[in-house]
Amino acid sequence: MISRQVSITNSIGLHARPATFFIQKANEYKSSIWVEKEDRRVNAKSLLGVLSLGIAQGMTIQLVAEGPDEKEALDGLENLIHTAFKE
């Protein structure tokens, strides 16, 4: 299991469209992936779970992955976040 902290820099945070891109990317991997914000942890492959965290611009989240492609999963999700969700 590996984890890393990532800051959300896009203007609208992880809402609607960016969250959809995020879960689509997470579903490309076999590993189990979670998003943690404060004391909550949700499945990164669940749109409702990710949206329920209310992640806004400037917040820092923890990405956690466990499985055969865990490093690739976190690298891919971090890259998506740093490219502003293709906006």
Protein backbone atom coordinates (compact mmCIF):
# COMPACT_ATOMS: atom_id res chain seq x y z
CA MET A 1 0.00 0.00 0.00
CA ILE A 2 1.26 3.45 -0.90
CA SER A 3 -0.10 6.94 -0.40
CA ARG A 4 0.68 10.53 -1.25
CA GLN A 5 -0.72 13.97 -0.63
CA VAL A 6 -1.91 16.05 -3.55
CA SER A 7 -3.11 19.66 -3.64
CA ILE A 8 -6.09 20.51 -5.81
CA THR A 9 -5.20 23.47 -8.01
CA ASN A 10 -7.95 23.70 -10.63
CA SER A 11 -10.47 26.50 -10.18
CA ILE A 12 -13.55 24.41 -9.32
CA GLY A 13 -11.98 21.59 -7.33
CA LEU A 14 -13.22 18.01 -7.64
CA HIS A 15 -16.80 18.70 -8.67
CA ALA A 16 -18.96 17.28 -11.46
CA ARG A 17 -16.81 17.24 -14.61
CA PRO A 18 -13.35 16.99 -12.97
CA ALA A 19 -14.65 14.31 -10.60
CA THR A 20 -15.91 12.32 -13.59
CA PHE A 21 -12.46 12.47 -15.20
CA PHE A 22 -10.92 11.47 -11.87
CA ILE A 23 -13.07 8.35 -11.38
CA GLN A 24 -12.67 7.33 -15.03
CA LYS A 25 -8.90 7.47 -14.55
CA ALA A 26 -9.12 5.55 -11.25
CA ASN A 27 -11.15 2.83 -12.95
CA GLU A 28 -8.31 2.23 -15.43
CA TYR A 29 -6.33 0.53 -12.65
CA LYS A 30 -6.74 -2.82 -10.94
CA SER A 31 -5.62 -1.53 -7.56
CA SER A 32 -8.02 -0.42 -4.86
CA ILE A 33 -7.79 3.37 -4.60
CA TRP A 34 -9.14 5.68 -1.92
CA VAL A 35 -9.34 9.43 -1.45
CA GLU A 36 -8.95 10.76 2.08
CA LYS A 37 -9.91 14.23 3.26
CA GLU A 38 -9.63 14.98 6.96
CA ASP A 39 -11.16 11.96 8.70
CA ARG A 40 -13.13 10.58 5.73
CA ARG A 41 -12.08 7.93 3.24
CA VAL A 42 -14.00 7.12 0.06
CA ASN A 43 -13.53 4.82 -2.89
CA ALA A 44 -11.83 6.78 -5.68
CA LYS A 45 -13.82 4.77 -8.23
CA SER A 46 -17.15 6.05 -6.88
CA LEU A 47 -18.49 9.33 -8.26
CA LEU A 48 -20.87 9.84 -5.35
CA GLY A 49 -18.11 9.07 -2.86
CA VAL A 50 -15.69 11.55 -4.40
CA LEU A 51 -18.35 14.26 -4.74
CA SER A 52 -19.42 13.74 -1.12
CA LEU A 53 -16.01 14.97 0.08
CA GLY A 54 -16.65 18.49 -1.26
CA ILE A 55 -13.07 18.95 -2.44
CA ALA A 56 -12.44 22.56 -3.45
CA GLN A 57 -9.51 24.46 -4.94
CA GLY A 58 -6.57 24.73 -2.56
CA MET A 59 -7.45 21.67 -0.49
CA THR A 60 -4.98 18.86 0.06
CA ILE A 61 -6.16 15.27 -0.22
CA GLN A 62 -4.48 11.95 0.44
CA LEU A 63 -4.53 9.33 -2.32
CA VAL A 64 -4.08 5.74 -1.16
CA ALA A 65 -3.66 2.72 -3.44
CA GLU A 66 -3.15 -0.97 -2.85
CA GLY A 67 -2.68 -3.55 -5.55
CA PRO A 68 -0.60 -4.69 -8.49
CA ASP A 69 -0.45 -1.28 -10.21
CA GLU A 70 -0.64 0.99 -7.15
CA LYS A 71 2.30 3.21 -8.11
CA GLU A 72 1.03 3.67 -11.66
CA ALA A 73 -2.44 4.47 -10.29
CA LEU A 74 -1.19 7.23 -8.01
CA ASP A 75 1.13 8.59 -10.70
CA GLY A 76 -1.76 8.72 -13.19
CA LEU A 77 -4.19 10.38 -10.78
CA GLU A 78 -1.61 12.89 -9.59
CA ASN A 79 -0.77 13.77 -13.20
CA LEU A 80 -4.47 14.26 -13.96
CA ILE A 81 -4.81 16.61 -10.98
CA HIS A 82 -1.69 18.58 -11.94
CA THR A 83 -2.92 19.03 -15.52
CA ALA A 84 -6.13 20.65 -14.17
CA PHE A 85 -8.35 17.74 -15.23
CA LYS A 86 -7.83 18.49 -18.93
CA GLU A 87 -9.49 21.90 -18.58
